[in-house]
């Protein structure tokens, strides 16, 4: 099956699968939150496998597990290739594009050790994006402030995702 190769399409697919399983998730949360957590992980693994990547929803605050409406909109990890150490384009280009698209953002080099590269984008009072050559971690709401547009750009220009699908 050919998949549309954008972050936006991935998020739509994830939300669709979460919505399809919403009743089971909500029932599990009432009876046994650990089962709901396991089900969310199954859904993200299923969706990620369709795109040949590792997709994760993180719950840095365990209370977020009970906010089913936020599933797939924040605290996401997307791993394309965990062994990749260098970006295929200049880090400065990644940072410059973030400043163009993301309002009130700050872009810094991060995770620069053992020959690895990384960029941290911090958005005032909104959250951050941690961009590594083989993964991206979104500690913010992906539906606000241009985040989807920026990550769509990353999918195409950093992760060459359109060549993977």
Protein backbone atom coordinates (compact mmCIF):
# COMPACT_ATOMS: atom_id res chain seq x y z
CA UNK A 1 0.00 0.00 0.00
CA UNK A 2 1.41 3.40 -0.95
CA UNK A 3 1.40 5.81 1.95
CA UNK A 4 1.36 9.59 1.74
CA UNK A 5 4.72 10.60 3.09
CA UNK A 6 4.01 13.60 5.26
CA UNK A 7 3.93 14.08 8.99
CA UNK A 8 0.40 15.46 8.58
CA UNK A 9 -0.73 12.21 6.94
CA UNK A 10 0.93 10.16 9.69
CA UNK A 11 -0.90 12.22 12.34
CA UNK A 12 -4.24 11.83 10.54
CA UNK A 13 -3.72 8.07 10.40
CA UNK A 14 -2.80 7.94 14.10
CA UNK A 15 -5.81 10.05 15.13
CA UNK A 16 -8.10 7.89 13.00
CA UNK A 17 -6.86 4.73 14.71
CA UNK A 18 -7.15 6.30 18.15
CA UNK A 19 -10.70 7.46 17.39
CA UNK A 20 -11.60 3.99 16.13
CA UNK A 21 -10.38 2.52 19.45
CA UNK A 22 -11.61 5.37 21.66
CA UNK A 23 -14.35 3.42 23.46
CA UNK A 24 -11.99 0.54 24.30
CA UNK A 25 -9.34 3.00 25.52
CA UNK A 26 -11.81 4.88 27.71
CA UNK A 27 -13.20 1.64 29.17
CA UNK A 28 -9.67 0.38 29.88
CA UNK A 29 -8.77 3.62 31.62
CA UNK A 30 -11.68 3.14 34.03
CA UNK A 31 -10.85 -0.50 34.77
CA UNK A 32 -7.06 -0.74 34.42
CA UNK A 33 -4.96 2.18 33.13
CA UNK A 34 -2.04 -0.18 32.41
CA UNK A 35 -4.18 -1.95 29.80
CA UNK A 36 -5.03 1.41 28.18
CA UNK A 37 -1.32 2.29 28.10
CA UNK A 38 -0.57 -1.04 26.42
CA UNK A 39 -3.39 -0.48 23.88
CA UNK A 40 -2.07 3.01 23.02
CA UNK A 41 1.37 1.49 22.43
CA UNK A 42 -0.15 -1.18 20.18
CA UNK A 43 -1.95 1.48 18.15
CA UNK A 44 1.17 3.62 17.72
CA UNK A 45 3.28 0.58 16.80
CA UNK A 46 0.67 -0.46 14.23
CA UNK A 47 0.48 2.99 12.65
CA UNK A 48 4.26 3.41 12.72
CA UNK A 49 4.80 0.04 11.07
CA UNK A 50 2.63 1.12 8.15
CA UNK A 51 5.12 3.96 7.54
CA UNK A 52 8.18 1.84 8.35
CA UNK A 53 9.13 3.87 11.42
CA UNK A 54 8.89 3.62 15.18
CA UNK A 55 6.11 5.89 16.45
CA UNK A 56 5.60 6.46 20.17
CA UNK A 57 3.33 8.50 22.40
CA UNK A 58 5.06 9.46 25.65
CA UNK A 59 3.33 10.24 28.93
CA UNK A 60 5.85 12.35 30.90
CA UNK A 61 3.04 13.15 33.32
CA UNK A 62 1.03 10.00 34.07
CA UNK A 63 -2.17 12.09 34.36
CA UNK A 64 -1.90 12.65 30.58
CA UNK A 65 -2.80 8.98 30.12
CA UNK A 66 -6.36 9.92 31.09
CA UNK A 67 -6.55 12.72 28.46
CA UNK A 68 -7.62 10.57 25.50
CA UNK A 69 -8.38 13.69 23.43
CA UNK A 70 -4.68 14.60 23.53
CA UNK A 71 -3.47 11.22 22.23
CA UNK A 72 -1.58 11.78 19.01
CA UNK A 73 -1.33 15.54 19.44
CA UNK A 74 1.62 15.87 21.85
CA UNK A 75 4.62 14.14 23.37
CA UNK A 76 5.44 12.08 20.29
CA UNK A 77 8.61 10.27 19.33
CA UNK A 78 9.30 9.25 15.74
CA UNK A 79 12.36 7.13 15.03
CA UNK A 80 13.42 6.67 11.42
CA UNK A 81 16.95 5.27 11.93
CA UNK A 82 18.38 5.15 15.45
CA UNK A 83 21.93 4.66 14.16
CA UNK A 84 22.12 7.76 11.98
CA UNK A 85 24.51 10.35 13.47
CA UNK A 86 24.69 13.13 10.88
CA UNK A 87 22.02 15.23 9.21
CA UNK A 88 21.88 15.02 5.40
CA UNK A 89 21.64 18.83 5.25
CA UNK A 90 23.34 21.59 7.23
CA UNK A 91 22.17 22.02 10.85
CA UNK A 92 21.99 25.75 10.19
CA UNK A 93 19.34 25.14 7.50
CA UNK A 94 17.24 23.14 9.98
CA UNK A 95 17.51 25.91 12.56
CA UNK A 96 16.81 28.69 10.05
CA UNK A 97 13.66 26.94 8.77
CA UNK A 98 12.42 26.54 12.36
CA UNK A 99 12.80 30.25 12.97
CA UNK A 100 10.90 30.97 9.73
CA UNK A 101 7.93 28.70 10.47
CA UNK A 102 7.63 28.45 14.25
CA UNK A 103 6.55 31.64 16.00
CA UNK A 104 8.65 32.74 18.97
CA UNK A 105 11.08 29.86 18.66
CA UNK A 106 14.72 29.54 19.57
CA UNK A 107 17.00 27.05 17.79
CA UNK A 108 20.13 25.63 19.39
CA UNK A 109 22.61 22.85 18.72
CA UNK A 110 22.03 19.93 21.08
CA UNK A 111 23.21 16.36 21.75
CA UNK A 112 26.56 17.14 20.11
CA UNK A 113 28.77 14.29 21.34
CA UNK A 114 30.41 11.14 19.98
CA UNK A 115 30.17 12.46 16.43
CA UNK A 116 26.42 12.98 16.71
CA UNK A 117 24.43 16.04 15.70
CA UNK A 118 21.19 17.42 17.05
CA UNK A 119 19.01 20.50 17.22
CA UNK A 120 16.64 21.64 19.96
CA UNK A 121 13.86 24.04 19.02
CA UNK A 122 12.27 25.76 22.00
CA UNK A 123 8.99 27.59 21.57
CA UNK A 124 8.11 30.15 24.23
CA UNK A 125 5.65 28.66 26.73
CA UNK A 126 4.58 26.02 24.18
CA UNK A 127 7.19 23.25 24.30
CA UNK A 128 10.14 21.96 22.33
CA UNK A 129 11.22 19.77 19.44
CA UNK A 130 14.33 17.64 19.70
CA UNK A 131 15.59 16.90 16.21
CA UNK A 132 18.20 14.21 15.72
CA UNK A 133 19.49 12.81 12.43
CA UNK A 134 17.44 9.63 12.84
CA UNK A 135 14.53 10.77 15.00
CA UNK A 136 12.38 13.63 16.18
CA UNK A 137 10.78 14.08 19.58
CA UNK A 138 7.88 16.50 19.89
CA UNK A 139 7.30 17.77 23.42
CA UNK A 140 4.58 20.18 22.32
CA UNK A 141 1.14 20.25 20.72
CA UNK A 142 1.70 19.34 17.08
CA UNK A 143 -1.52 21.01 15.97
CA UNK A 144 -0.48 24.53 16.96
CA UNK A 145 1.95 27.27 15.95
CA UNK A 146 3.14 25.80 12.63
CA UNK A 147 4.53 22.58 14.14
CA UNK A 148 2.89 20.32 11.52
CA UNK A 149 4.16 22.49 8.69
CA UNK A 150 7.69 22.44 10.09
CA UNK A 151 7.72 18.69 10.72
CA UNK A 152 6.31 18.10 7.22
CA UNK A 153 9.34 20.07 5.98
CA UNK A 154 11.66 17.94 8.14
CA UNK A 155 10.08 14.72 6.81
CA UNK A 156 10.89 15.79 3.27
CA UNK A 157 14.22 17.56 3.69
CA UNK A 158 15.91 15.85 6.63
CA UNK A 159 14.44 12.36 6.75
CA UNK A 160 13.85 12.01 2.96
CA UNK A 161 10.68 10.28 4.02
CA UNK A 162 9.08 10.47 0.58
CA UNK A 163 11.79 8.06 -0.61
CA UNK A 164 10.94 5.52 2.10
CA UNK A 165 7.26 5.01 1.33
